PDB file of N, CA and C in Angstrom:
ATOM      1  N   MET A   1       0.853  -1.178   0.000  1.00  0.00           N
ATOM      2  CA  MET A   1       0.000   0.000   0.000  1.00  0.00           C
ATOM      3  C   MET A   1       0.899   1.241   0.000  1.00  0.00           C
ATOM      4  N   PRO A   2       0.715   2.130  -0.985  1.00  0.00           N
ATOM      5  CA  PRO A   2       1.544   3.328  -1.043  1.00  0.00           C
ATOM      6  C   PRO A   2       1.213   4.282   0.105  1.00  0.00           C
ATOM      7  N   GLY A   3       2.236   5.016   0.526  1.00  0.00           N
ATOM      8  CA  GLY A   3       2.067   5.945   1.640  1.00  0.00           C
ATOM      9  C   GLY A   3       1.387   7.240   1.213  1.00  0.00           C
ATOM     10  N   PRO A   4       1.030   8.072   2.188  1.00  0.00           N
ATOM     11  CA  PRO A   4       0.342   9.328   1.887  1.00  0.00           C
ATOM     12  C   PRO A   4       1.226  10.303   1.099  1.00  0.00           C
ATOM     13  N   ARG A   5       2.521  10.239   1.316  1.00  0.00           N
ATOM     14  CA  ARG A   5       3.435  11.118   0.592  1.00  0.00           C
ATOM     15  C   ARG A   5       3.425  10.780  -0.910  1.00  0.00           C
ATOM     16  N   PHE A   6       3.436   9.496  -1.224  1.00  0.00           N
ATOM     17  CA  PHE A   6       3.388   9.042  -2.617  1.00  0.00           C
ATOM     18  C   PHE A   6       2.070   9.446  -3.266  1.00  0.00           C
ATOM     19  N   LEU A   7       0.968   9.287  -2.548  1.00  0.00           N
ATOM     20  CA  LEU A   7      -0.340   9.643  -3.088  1.00  0.00           C
ATOM     21  C   LEU A   7      -0.468  11.150  -3.338  1.00  0.00           C
ATOM     22  N   ALA A   8       0.079  11.937  -2.415  1.00  0.00           N
ATOM     23  CA  ALA A   8       0.037  13.391  -2.592  1.00  0.00           C
ATOM     24  C   ALA A   8       0.876  13.807  -3.801  1.00  0.00           C
ATOM     25  N   LYS A   9       2.036  13.173  -3.963  1.00  0.00           N
ATOM     26  CA  LYS A   9       2.900  13.483  -5.096  1.00  0.00           C
ATOM     27  C   LYS A   9       2.218  13.098  -6.406  1.00  0.00           C
ATOM     28  N   ARG A  10       1.582  11.939  -6.438  1.00  0.00           N
ATOM     29  CA  ARG A  10       0.889  11.474  -7.628  1.00  0.00           C
ATOM     30  C   ARG A  10      -0.305  12.384  -7.958  1.00  0.00           C
ATOM     31  N   ALA A  11      -1.024  12.827  -6.946  1.00  0.00           N
ATOM     32  CA  ALA A  11      -2.163  13.724  -7.163  1.00  0.00           C
ATOM     33  C   ALA A  11      -1.690  15.066  -7.719  1.00  0.00           C
ATOM     34  N   ALA A  12      -0.565  15.570  -7.222  1.00  0.00           N
ATOM     35  CA  ALA A  12      -0.018  16.823  -7.737  1.00  0.00           C
ATOM     36  C   ALA A  12       0.416  16.674  -9.192  1.00  0.00           C
ATOM     37  N   GLN A  13       1.001  15.543  -9.539  1.00  0.00           N
ATOM     38  CA  GLN A  13       1.412  15.302 -10.924  1.00  0.00           C
ATOM     39  C   GLN A  13       0.198  15.226 -11.846  1.00  0.00           C
ATOM     40  N   ILE A  14      -0.836  14.535 -11.425  1.00  0.00           N
ATOM     41  CA  ILE A  14      -2.050  14.414 -12.237  1.00  0.00           C
ATOM     42  C   ILE A  14      -2.699  15.782 -12.416  1.00  0.00           C
ATOM     43  N   LEU A  15      -2.746  16.575 -11.364  1.00  0.00           N
ATOM     44  CA  LEU A  15      -3.318  17.913 -11.442  1.00  0.00           C
ATOM     45  C   LEU A  15      -2.523  18.793 -12.400  1.00  0.00           C
ATOM     46  N   LEU A  16      -1.209  18.711 -12.355  1.00  0.00           N
ATOM     47  CA  LEU A  16      -0.360  19.499 -13.237  1.00  0.00           C
ATOM     48  C   LEU A  16      -0.563  19.097 -14.700  1.00  0.00           C
ATOM     49  N   VAL A  17      -0.605  17.808 -14.965  1.00  0.00           N
ATOM     50  CA  VAL A  17      -0.829  17.334 -16.333  1.00  0.00           C
ATOM     51  C   VAL A  17      -2.210  17.768 -16.829  1.00  0.00           C
ATOM     52  N   ALA A  18      -3.216  17.675 -15.984  1.00  0.00           N
ATOM     53  CA  ALA A  18      -4.567  18.094 -16.370  1.00  0.00           C
ATOM     54  C   ALA A  18      -4.606  19.593 -16.677  1.00  0.00           C
ATOM     55  N   LEU A  19      -3.914  20.395 -15.888  1.00  0.00           N
ATOM     56  CA  LEU A  19      -3.867  21.840 -16.118  1.00  0.00           C
ATOM     57  C   LEU A  19      -3.170  22.167 -17.431  1.00  0.00           C
ATOM     58  N   VAL A  20      -2.069  21.487 -17.736  1.00  0.00           N
ATOM     59  CA  VAL A  20      -1.354  21.710 -18.992  1.00  0.00           C
ATOM     60  C   VAL A  20      -2.228  21.316 -20.181  1.00  0.00           C
ATOM     61  N   VAL A  21      -2.915  20.190 -20.097  1.00  0.00           N
ATOM     62  CA  VAL A  21      -3.794  19.755 -21.186  1.00  0.00           C
ATOM     63  C   VAL A  21      -4.951  20.743 -21.361  1.00  0.00           C
ATOM     64  N   PHE A  22      -5.515  21.206 -20.271  1.00  0.00           N
ATOM     65  CA  PHE A  22      -6.615  22.164 -20.324  1.00  0.00           C
ATOM     66  C   PHE A  22      -6.159  23.466 -20.967  1.00  0.00           C
ATOM     67  N   PHE A  23      -4.964  23.957 -20.593  1.00  0.00           N
ATOM     68  CA  PHE A  23      -4.426  25.185 -21.182  1.00  0.00           C
ATOM     69  C   PHE A  23      -4.169  24.988 -22.676  1.00  0.00           C
ATOM     70  N   ALA A  24      -3.610  23.839 -23.067  1.00  0.00           N
ATOM     71  CA  ALA A  24      -3.319  23.570 -24.480  1.00  0.00           C
ATOM     72  C   ALA A  24      -4.606  23.532 -25.304  1.00  0.00           C
ATOM     73  N   CYS A  25      -5.650  22.934 -24.779  1.00  0.00           N
ATOM     74  CA  CYS A  25      -6.933  22.900 -25.490  1.00  0.00           C
ATOM     75  C   CYS A  25      -7.524  24.301 -25.618  1.00  0.00           C
ATOM     76  N   ASP A  26      -7.445  25.097 -24.559  1.00  0.00           N
ATOM     77  CA  ASP A  26      -7.946  26.459 -24.596  1.00  0.00           C
ATOM     78  C   ASP A  26      -7.161  27.287 -25.612  1.00  0.00           C
ATOM     79  N   TYR A  27      -5.848  27.117 -25.661  1.00  0.00           N
ATOM     80  CA  TYR A  27      -5.000  27.842 -26.599  1.00  0.00           C
ATOM     81  C   TYR A  27      -5.315  27.426 -28.037  1.00  0.00           C
ATOM     82  N   ALA A  28      -5.475  26.137 -28.294  1.00  0.00           N
ATOM     83  CA  ALA A  28      -5.778  25.656 -29.637  1.00  0.00           C
ATOM     84  C   ALA A  28      -7.141  26.184 -30.103  1.00  0.00           C
ATOM     85  N   TYR A  29      -8.129  26.180 -29.224  1.00  0.00           N
ATOM     86  CA  TYR A  29      -9.454  26.691 -29.578  1.00  0.00           C
ATOM     87  C   TYR A  29      -9.388  28.195 -29.845  1.00  0.00           C
ATOM     88  N   PHE A  30      -8.607  28.940 -29.049  1.00  0.00           N
ATOM     89  CA  PHE A  30      -8.441  30.377 -29.259  1.00  0.00           C
ATOM     90  C   PHE A  30      -7.797  30.647 -30.619  1.00  0.00           C
ATOM     91  N   ARG A  31      -6.729  29.930 -30.938  1.00  0.00           N
ATOM     92  CA  ARG A  31      -6.029  30.120 -32.217  1.00  0.00           C
ATOM     93  C   ARG A  31      -6.912  29.725 -33.396  1.00  0.00           C
ATOM     94  N   LEU A  32      -7.691  28.680 -33.246  1.00  0.00           N
ATOM     95  CA  LEU A  32      -8.583  28.252 -34.314  1.00  0.00           C
ATOM     96  C   LEU A  32      -9.620  29.328 -34.615  1.00  0.00           C
ATOM     97  N   ARG A  33     -10.193  29.923 -33.573  1.00  0.00           N
ATOM     98  CA  ARG A  33     -11.161  30.999 -33.778  1.00  0.00           C
ATOM     99  C   ARG A  33     -10.493  32.255 -34.318  1.00  0.00           C
ATOM    100  N   LEU A  34      -9.211  32.457 -34.015  1.00  0.00           N
ATOM    101  CA  LEU A  34      -8.479  33.611 -34.533  1.00  0.00           C
ATOM    102  C   LEU A  34      -8.203  33.450 -36.027  1.00  0.00           C
ATOM    103  N   ILE A  35      -7.908  32.232 -36.463  1.00  0.00           N
ATOM    104  CA  ILE A  35      -7.628  31.962 -37.876  1.00  0.00           C
ATOM    105  C   ILE A  35      -8.907  32.029 -38.704  1.00  0.00           C
ATOM    106  N   HIS A  36      -9.991  31.469 -38.182  1.00  0.00           N
ATOM    107  CA  HIS A  36     -11.273  31.436 -38.889  1.00  0.00           C
ATOM    108  C   HIS A  36     -12.274  32.323 -38.148  1.00  0.00           C
ATOM    109  N   PRO A  37     -12.206  33.647 -38.378  1.00  0.00           N
ATOM    110  CA  PRO A  37     -13.115  34.528 -37.637  1.00  0.00           C
ATOM    111  C   PRO A  37     -14.560  34.325 -38.070  1.00  0.00           C
ATOM    112  N   GLY A  38     -15.418  34.498 -37.132  1.00  0.00           N
ATOM    113  CA  GLY A  38     -16.851  34.348 -37.373  1.00  0.00           C
ATOM    114  C   GLY A  38     -17.598  35.167 -36.355  1.00  0.00           C
ATOM    115  N   PRO A  39     -18.851  34.816 -36.108  1.00  0.00           N
ATOM    116  CA  PRO A  39     -19.607  35.576 -35.117  1.00  0.00           C
ATOM    117  C   PRO A  39     -19.046  35.437 -33.702  1.00  0.00           C
ATOM    118  N   ALA A  40     -18.357  34.345 -33.428  1.00  0.00           N
ATOM    119  CA  ALA A  40     -17.770  34.140 -32.095  1.00  0.00           C
ATOM    120  C   ALA A  40     -16.286  34.496 -32.141  1.00  0.00           C
ATOM    121  N   SER A  41     -15.990  35.775 -32.307  1.00  0.00           N
ATOM    122  CA  SER A  41     -14.607  36.236 -32.382  1.00  0.00           C
ATOM    123  C   SER A  41     -13.929  36.049 -31.023  1.00  0.00           C
ATOM    124  N   PRO A  42     -12.663  35.647 -31.017  1.00  0.00           N
ATOM    125  CA  PRO A  42     -12.009  35.418 -29.734  1.00  0.00           C
ATOM    126  C   PRO A  42     -11.571  36.699 -29.028  1.00  0.00           C
ATOM    127  N   LEU A  43     -11.545  37.829 -29.737  1.00  0.00           N
ATOM    128  CA  LEU A  43     -11.132  39.097 -29.136  1.00  0.00           C
ATOM    129  C   LEU A  43     -12.302  40.070 -29.103  1.00  0.00           C
ATOM    130  N   GLU A  44     -12.360  40.846 -28.032  1.00  0.00           N
ATOM    131  CA  GLU A  44     -13.408  41.858 -27.890  1.00  0.00           C
ATOM    132  C   GLU A  44     -12.763  43.162 -27.473  1.00  0.00           C
ATOM    133  N   THR A  45     -13.191  44.247 -28.095  1.00  0.00           N
ATOM    134  CA  THR A  45     -12.722  45.579 -27.731  1.00  0.00           C
ATOM    135  C   THR A  45     -13.897  46.337 -27.139  1.00  0.00           C
ATOM    136  N   PHE A  46     -13.670  46.974 -25.992  1.00  0.00           N
ATOM    137  CA  PHE A  46     -14.727  47.747 -25.353  1.00  0.00           C
ATOM    138  C   PHE A  46     -14.126  48.981 -24.712  1.00  0.00           C
ATOM    139  N   THR A  47     -14.956  49.955 -24.436  1.00  0.00           N
ATOM    140  CA  THR A  47     -14.508  51.174 -23.775  1.00  0.00           C
ATOM    141  C   THR A  47     -15.064  51.201 -22.366  1.00  0.00           C
ATOM    142  N   ALA A  48     -14.266  51.733 -21.469  1.00  0.00           N
ATOM    143  CA  ALA A  48     -14.660  51.848 -20.069  1.00  0.00           C
ATOM    144  C   ALA A  48     -14.237  53.227 -19.562  1.00  0.00           C
ATOM    145  N   PRO A  49     -15.000  53.795 -18.657  1.00  0.00           N
ATOM    146  CA  PRO A  49     -14.607  55.104 -18.125  1.00  0.00           C
ATOM    147  C   PRO A  49     -13.368  54.976 -17.240  1.00  0.00           C
ATOM    148  N   ARG A  50     -12.529  55.993 -17.285  1.00  0.00           N
ATOM    149  CA  ARG A  50     -11.337  56.024 -16.431  1.00  0.00           C
ATOM    150  C   ARG A  50     -11.688  56.874 -15.216  1.00  0.00           C
ATOM    151  N   LEU A  51     -11.849  56.225 -14.097  1.00  0.00           N
ATOM    152  CA  LEU A  51     -12.295  56.867 -12.867  1.00  0.00           C
ATOM    153  C   LEU A  51     -11.198  56.766 -11.824  1.00  0.00           C
ATOM    154  N   TYR A  52     -10.891  57.896 -11.189  1.00  0.00           N
ATOM    155  CA  TYR A  52      -9.857  57.930 -10.149  1.00  0.00           C
ATOM    156  C   TYR A  52     -10.505  57.989  -8.770  1.00  0.00           C
ATOM    157  N   ALA A  53      -9.943  57.248  -7.820  1.00  0.00           N
ATOM    158  CA  ALA A  53     -10.365  57.306  -6.420  1.00  0.00           C
ATOM    159  C   ALA A  53      -9.281  58.049  -5.658  1.00  0.00           C
ATOM    160  N   ILE A  54      -9.585  59.268  -5.227  1.00  0.00           N
ATOM    161  CA  ILE A  54      -8.607  60.140  -4.579  1.00  0.00           C
ATOM    162  C   ILE A  54      -8.889  60.166  -3.081  1.00  0.00           C
ATOM    163  N   SER A  55      -7.897  59.772  -2.288  1.00  0.00           N
ATOM    164  CA  SER A  55      -8.054  59.755  -0.828  1.00  0.00           C
ATOM    165  C   SER A  55      -8.028  61.181  -0.293  1.00  0.00           C
ATOM    166  N   GLU A  56      -8.899  61.430   0.675  1.00  0.00           N
ATOM    167  CA  GLU A  56      -8.967  62.733   1.319  1.00  0.00           C
ATOM    168  C   GLU A  56      -8.870  62.549   2.821  1.00  0.00           C
ATOM    169  N   LYS A  57      -8.907  63.649   3.541  1.00  0.00           N
ATOM    170  CA  LYS A  57      -8.840  63.598   5.001  1.00  0.00           C
ATOM    171  C   LYS A  57     -10.050  62.868   5.568  1.00  0.00           C
ATOM    172  N   GLY A  58      -9.854  62.264   6.732  1.00  0.00           N
ATOM    173  CA  GLY A  58     -10.952  61.593   7.411  1.00  0.00           C
ATOM    174  C   GLY A  58     -11.369  60.305   6.727  1.00  0.00           C
ATOM    175  N   ARG A  59     -10.452  59.679   6.036  1.00  0.00           N
ATOM    176  CA  ARG A  59     -10.706  58.408   5.343  1.00  0.00           C
ATOM    177  C   ARG A  59     -11.841  58.507   4.313  1.00  0.00           C
ATOM    178  N   LYS A  60     -12.006  59.682   3.749  1.00  0.00           N
ATOM    179  CA  LYS A  60     -13.006  59.862   2.700  1.00  0.00           C
ATOM    180  C   LYS A  60     -12.340  59.654   1.347  1.00  0.00           C
ATOM    181  N   VAL A  61     -13.139  59.304   0.399  1.00  0.00           N
ATOM    182  CA  VAL A  61     -12.642  59.075  -0.956  1.00  0.00           C
ATOM    183  C   VAL A  61     -13.484  59.889  -1.925  1.00  0.00           C
ATOM    184  N   ALA A  62     -12.802  60.656  -2.775  1.00  0.00           N
ATOM    185  CA  ALA A  62     -13.478  61.423  -3.820  1.00  0.00           C
ATOM    186  C   ALA A  62     -13.234  60.727  -5.156  1.00  0.00           C
ATOM    187  N   TYR A  63     -14.266  60.674  -5.973  1.00  0.00           N
ATOM    188  CA  TYR A  63     -14.163  60.023  -7.283  1.00  0.00           C
ATOM    189  C   TYR A  63     -14.224  61.087  -8.366  1.00  0.00           C
ATOM    190  N   GLU A  64     -13.265  61.034  -9.287  1.00  0.00           N
ATOM    191  CA  GLU A  64     -13.225  61.991 -10.388  1.00  0.00           C
ATOM    192  C   GLU A  64     -12.907  61.277 -11.688  1.00  0.00           C
ATOM    193  N   MET A  65     -13.504  61.767 -12.769  1.00  0.00           N
ATOM    194  CA  MET A  65     -13.185  61.261 -14.101  1.00  0.00           C
ATOM    195  C   MET A  65     -11.870  61.893 -14.552  1.00  0.00           C
ATOM    196  N   ASP A  66     -11.107  61.175 -15.342  1.00  0.00           N
ATOM    197  CA  ASP A  66      -9.869  61.697 -15.898  1.00  0.00           C
ATOM    198  C   ASP A  66     -10.227  62.779 -16.908  1.00  0.00           C
ATOM    199  N   ALA A  67      -9.685  63.984 -16.740  1.00  0.00           N
ATOM    200  CA  ALA A  67     -10.026  65.099 -17.616  1.00  0.00           C
ATOM    201  C   ALA A  67      -9.408  64.944 -19.005  1.00  0.00           C
ATOM    202  N   LEU A  68      -8.194  64.396 -19.092  1.00  0.00           N
ATOM    203  CA  LEU A  68      -7.514  64.278 -20.380  1.00  0.00           C
ATOM    204  C   LEU A  68      -8.005  63.080 -21.192  1.00  0.00           C
ATOM    205  N   HIS A  69      -8.191  61.958 -20.542  1.00  0.00           N
ATOM    206  CA  HIS A  69      -8.634  60.729 -21.211  1.00  0.00           C
ATOM    207  C   HIS A  69      -9.788  60.127 -20.419  1.00  0.00           C
ATOM    208  N   PRO A  70     -11.029  60.599 -20.648  1.00  0.00           N
ATOM    209  CA  PRO A  70     -12.150  60.108 -19.843  1.00  0.00           C
ATOM    210  C   PRO A  70     -12.525  58.646 -20.110  1.00  0.00           C
ATOM    211  N   GLU A  71     -12.172  58.128 -21.289  1.00  0.00           N
ATOM    212  CA  GLU A  71     -12.484  56.732 -21.587  1.00  0.00           C
ATOM    213  C   GLU A  71     -11.223  55.996 -21.998  1.00  0.00           C
ATOM    214  N   GLN A  72     -11.192  54.721 -21.696  1.00  0.00           N
ATOM    215  CA  GLN A  72     -10.075  53.881 -22.100  1.00  0.00           C
ATOM    216  C   GLN A  72     -10.606  52.727 -22.938  1.00  0.00           C
ATOM    217  N   THR A  73      -9.868  52.385 -23.977  1.00  0.00           N
ATOM    218  CA  THR A  73     -10.255  51.280 -24.845  1.00  0.00           C
ATOM    219  C   THR A  73      -9.421  50.065 -24.480  1.00  0.00           C
ATOM    220  N   LEU A  74     -10.091  48.966 -24.183  1.00  0.00           N
ATOM    221  CA  LEU A  74      -9.422  47.744 -23.751  1.00  0.00           C
ATOM    222  C   LEU A  74      -9.790  46.596 -24.676  1.00  0.00           C
ATOM    223  N   THR A  75      -8.866  45.677 -24.862  1.00  0.00           N
ATOM    224  CA  THR A  75      -9.104  44.482 -25.656  1.00  0.00           C
ATOM    225  C   THR A  75      -8.904  43.270 -24.760  1.00  0.00           C
ATOM    226  N   CYS A  76      -9.838  42.335 -24.840  1.00  0.00           N
ATOM    227  CA  CYS A  76      -9.753  41.128 -24.025  1.00  0.00           C
ATOM    228  C   CYS A  76      -9.975  39.898 -24.890  1.00  0.00           C
ATOM    229  N   ALA A  77      -9.590  38.755 -24.365  1.00  0.00           N
ATOM    230  CA  ALA A  77      -9.720  37.483 -25.072  1.00  0.00           C
ATOM    231  C   ALA A  77     -10.838  36.659 -24.441  1.00  0.00           C
ATOM    232  N   HIS A  78     -11.704  36.099 -25.284  1.00  0.00           N
ATOM    233  CA  HIS A  78     -12.759  35.208 -24.797  1.00  0.00           C
ATOM    234  C   HIS A  78     -12.164  33.818 -24.606  1.00  0.00           C
ATOM    235  N   SER A  79     -11.536  33.616 -23.477  1.00  0.00           N
ATOM    236  CA  SER A  79     -10.927  32.333 -23.135  1.00  0.00           C
ATOM    237  C   SER A  79     -10.799  32.263 -21.619  1.00  0.00           C
ATOM    238  N   LEU A  80     -10.364  31.134 -21.131  1.00  0.00           N
ATOM    239  CA  LEU A  80     -10.209  30.978 -19.687  1.00  0.00           C
ATOM    240  C   LEU A  80      -8.851  31.459 -19.202  1.00  0.00           C
ATOM    241  N   PHE A  81      -7.853  31.426 -20.072  1.00  0.00           N
ATOM    242  CA  PHE A  81      -6.498  31.846 -19.740  1.00  0.00           C
ATOM    243  C   PHE A  81      -6.100  33.014 -20.624  1.00  0.00           C
ATOM    244  N   PRO A  82      -5.107  33.834 -20.222  1.00  0.00           N
ATOM    245  CA  PRO A  82      -4.633  34.904 -21.099  1.00  0.00           C
ATOM    246  C   PRO A  82      -3.928  34.324 -22.323  1.00  0.00           C
ATOM    247  N   HIS A  83      -4.211  34.911 -23.489  1.00  0.00           N
ATOM    248  CA  HIS A  83      -3.584  34.482 -24.738  1.00  0.00           C
ATOM    249  C   HIS A  83      -3.238  35.711 -25.562  1.00  0.00           C
ATOM    250  N   ALA A  84      -2.146  35.620 -26.327  1.00  0.00           N
ATOM    251  CA  ALA A  84      -1.707  36.660 -27.264  1.00  0.00           C
ATOM    252  C   ALA A  84      -1.534  38.012 -26.567  1.00  0.00           C
ATOM    253  N   GLY A  85      -1.208  38.010 -25.311  1.00  0.00           N
ATOM    254  CA  GLY A  85      -0.992  39.248 -24.573  1.00  0.00           C
ATOM    255  C   GLY A  85      -2.253  39.928 -24.086  1.00  0.00           C
ATOM    256  N   TYR A  86      -3.403  39.299 -24.226  1.00  0.00           N
ATOM    257  CA  TYR A  86      -4.671  39.868 -23.785  1.00  0.00           C
ATOM    258  C   TYR A  86      -5.201  39.099 -22.583  1.00  0.00           C
ATOM    259  N   ALA A  87      -5.705  39.849 -21.621  1.00  0.00           N
ATOM    260  CA  ALA A  87      -6.299  39.237 -20.430  1.00  0.00           C
ATOM    261  C   ALA A  87      -7.657  38.651 -20.807  1.00  0.00           C
ATOM    262  N   PRO A  88      -8.107  37.634 -20.082  1.00  0.00           N
ATOM    263  CA  PRO A  88      -9.434  37.072 -20.366  1.00  0.00           C
ATOM    264  C   PRO A  88     -10.541  38.073 -20.029  1.00  0.00           C
ATOM    265  N   CYS A  89     -11.609  38.032 -20.801  1.00  0.00           N
ATOM    266  CA  CYS A  89     -12.720  38.970 -20.599  1.00  0.00           C
ATOM    267  C   CYS A  89     -13.387  38.785 -19.238  1.00  0.00           C
ATOM    268  N   TRP A  90     -13.472  37.545 -18.748  1.00  0.00           N
ATOM    269  CA  TRP A  90     -14.117  37.305 -17.461  1.00  0.00           C
ATOM    270  C   TRP A  90     -13.366  38.011 -16.335  1.00  0.00           C
ATOM    271  N   TYR A  91     -12.092  38.348 -16.545  1.00  0.00           N
ATOM    272  CA  TYR A  91     -11.314  39.063 -15.538  1.00  0.00           C
ATOM    273  C   TYR A  91     -11.261  40.562 -15.831  1.00  0.00           C
ATOM    274  N   LEU A  92     -11.062  40.930 -17.099  1.00  0.00           N
ATOM    275  CA  LEU A  92     -10.808  42.330 -17.441  1.00  0.00           C
ATOM    276  C   LEU A  92     -12.046  43.213 -17.344  1.00  0.00           C
ATOM    277  N   ILE A  93     -13.202  42.718 -17.735  1.00  0.00           N
ATOM    278  CA  ILE A  93     -14.409  43.549 -17.724  1.00  0.00           C
ATOM    279  C   ILE A  93     -14.773  43.995 -16.301  1.00  0.00           C
ATOM    280  N   PRO A  94     -14.809  43.121 -15.286  1.00  0.00           N
ATOM    281  CA  PRO A  94     -15.083  43.621 -13.938  1.00  0.00           C
ATOM    282  C   PRO A  94     -13.963  44.512 -13.393  1.00  0.00           C
ATOM    283  N   GLU A  95     -12.716  44.220 -13.746  1.00  0.00           N
ATOM    284  CA  GLU A  95     -11.601  45.038 -13.264  1.00  0.00           C
ATOM    285  C   GLU A  95     -11.609  46.440 -13.866  1.00  0.00           C
ATOM    286  N   SER A  96     -12.132  46.574 -15.081  1.00  0.00           N
ATOM    287  CA  SER A  96     -12.151  47.882 -15.719  1.00  0.00           C
ATOM    288  C   SER A  96     -13.167  48.819 -15.072  1.00  0.00           C
ATOM    289  N   GLN A  97     -14.124  48.276 -14.342  1.00  0.00           N
ATOM    290  CA  GLN A  97     -15.152  49.088 -13.692  1.00  0.00           C
ATOM    291  C   GLN A  97     -14.667  49.641 -12.347  1.00  0.00           C
ATOM    292  N   LYS A  98     -13.560  49.146 -11.834  1.00  0.00           N
ATOM    293  CA  LYS A  98     -13.063  49.607 -10.545  1.00  0.00           C
ATOM    294  C   LYS A  98     -12.293  50.919 -10.716  1.00  0.00           C
ATOM    295  N   PRO A  99     -12.423  51.836  -9.762  1.00  0.00           N
ATOM    296  CA  PRO A  99     -11.676  53.093  -9.847  1.00  0.00           C
ATOM    297  C   PRO A  99     -10.181  52.850  -9.596  1.00  0.00           C
ATOM    298  N   ILE A 100      -9.365  53.705 -10.191  1.00  0.00           N
ATOM    299  CA  ILE A 100      -7.908  53.630 -10.039  1.00  0.00           C
ATOM    300  C   ILE A 100      -7.523  54.379  -8.780  1.00  0.00           C
ATOM    301  N   PRO A 101      -6.923  53.721  -7.776  1.00  0.00           N
ATOM    302  CA  PRO A 101      -6.563  54.435  -6.540  1.00  0.00           C
ATOM    303  C   PRO A 101      -5.395  55.384  -6.773  1.00  0.00           C
ATOM    304  N   MET A 102      -5.488  56.544  -6.167  1.00  0.00           N
ATOM    305  CA  MET A 102      -4.432  57.557  -6.286  1.00  0.00           C
ATOM    306  C   MET A 102      -3.775  57.762  -4.937  1.00  0.00           C
TER     307      MET A 102
END
């Protein structure tokens, strides 16, 4: 009967192999959609407001729009992992709504 150390090591190896296979499948599907564009494009471009959170006295926070660049254009990838230098949309879209702390 194998010991707990062996089982933990084997479980970690299986998890690592599964993660690599999952990433490879996600990457192949992303590249396939990039080569053959259609209605389900793998990249999305959207605009989001650039909002600053400025700390003030008494632990108050003031919110202001950026005067020079009120909107920012972001591109994200419709995938589970980042590909081609673009963050996944499931992560970037909620993060773009958060104010930038100053």
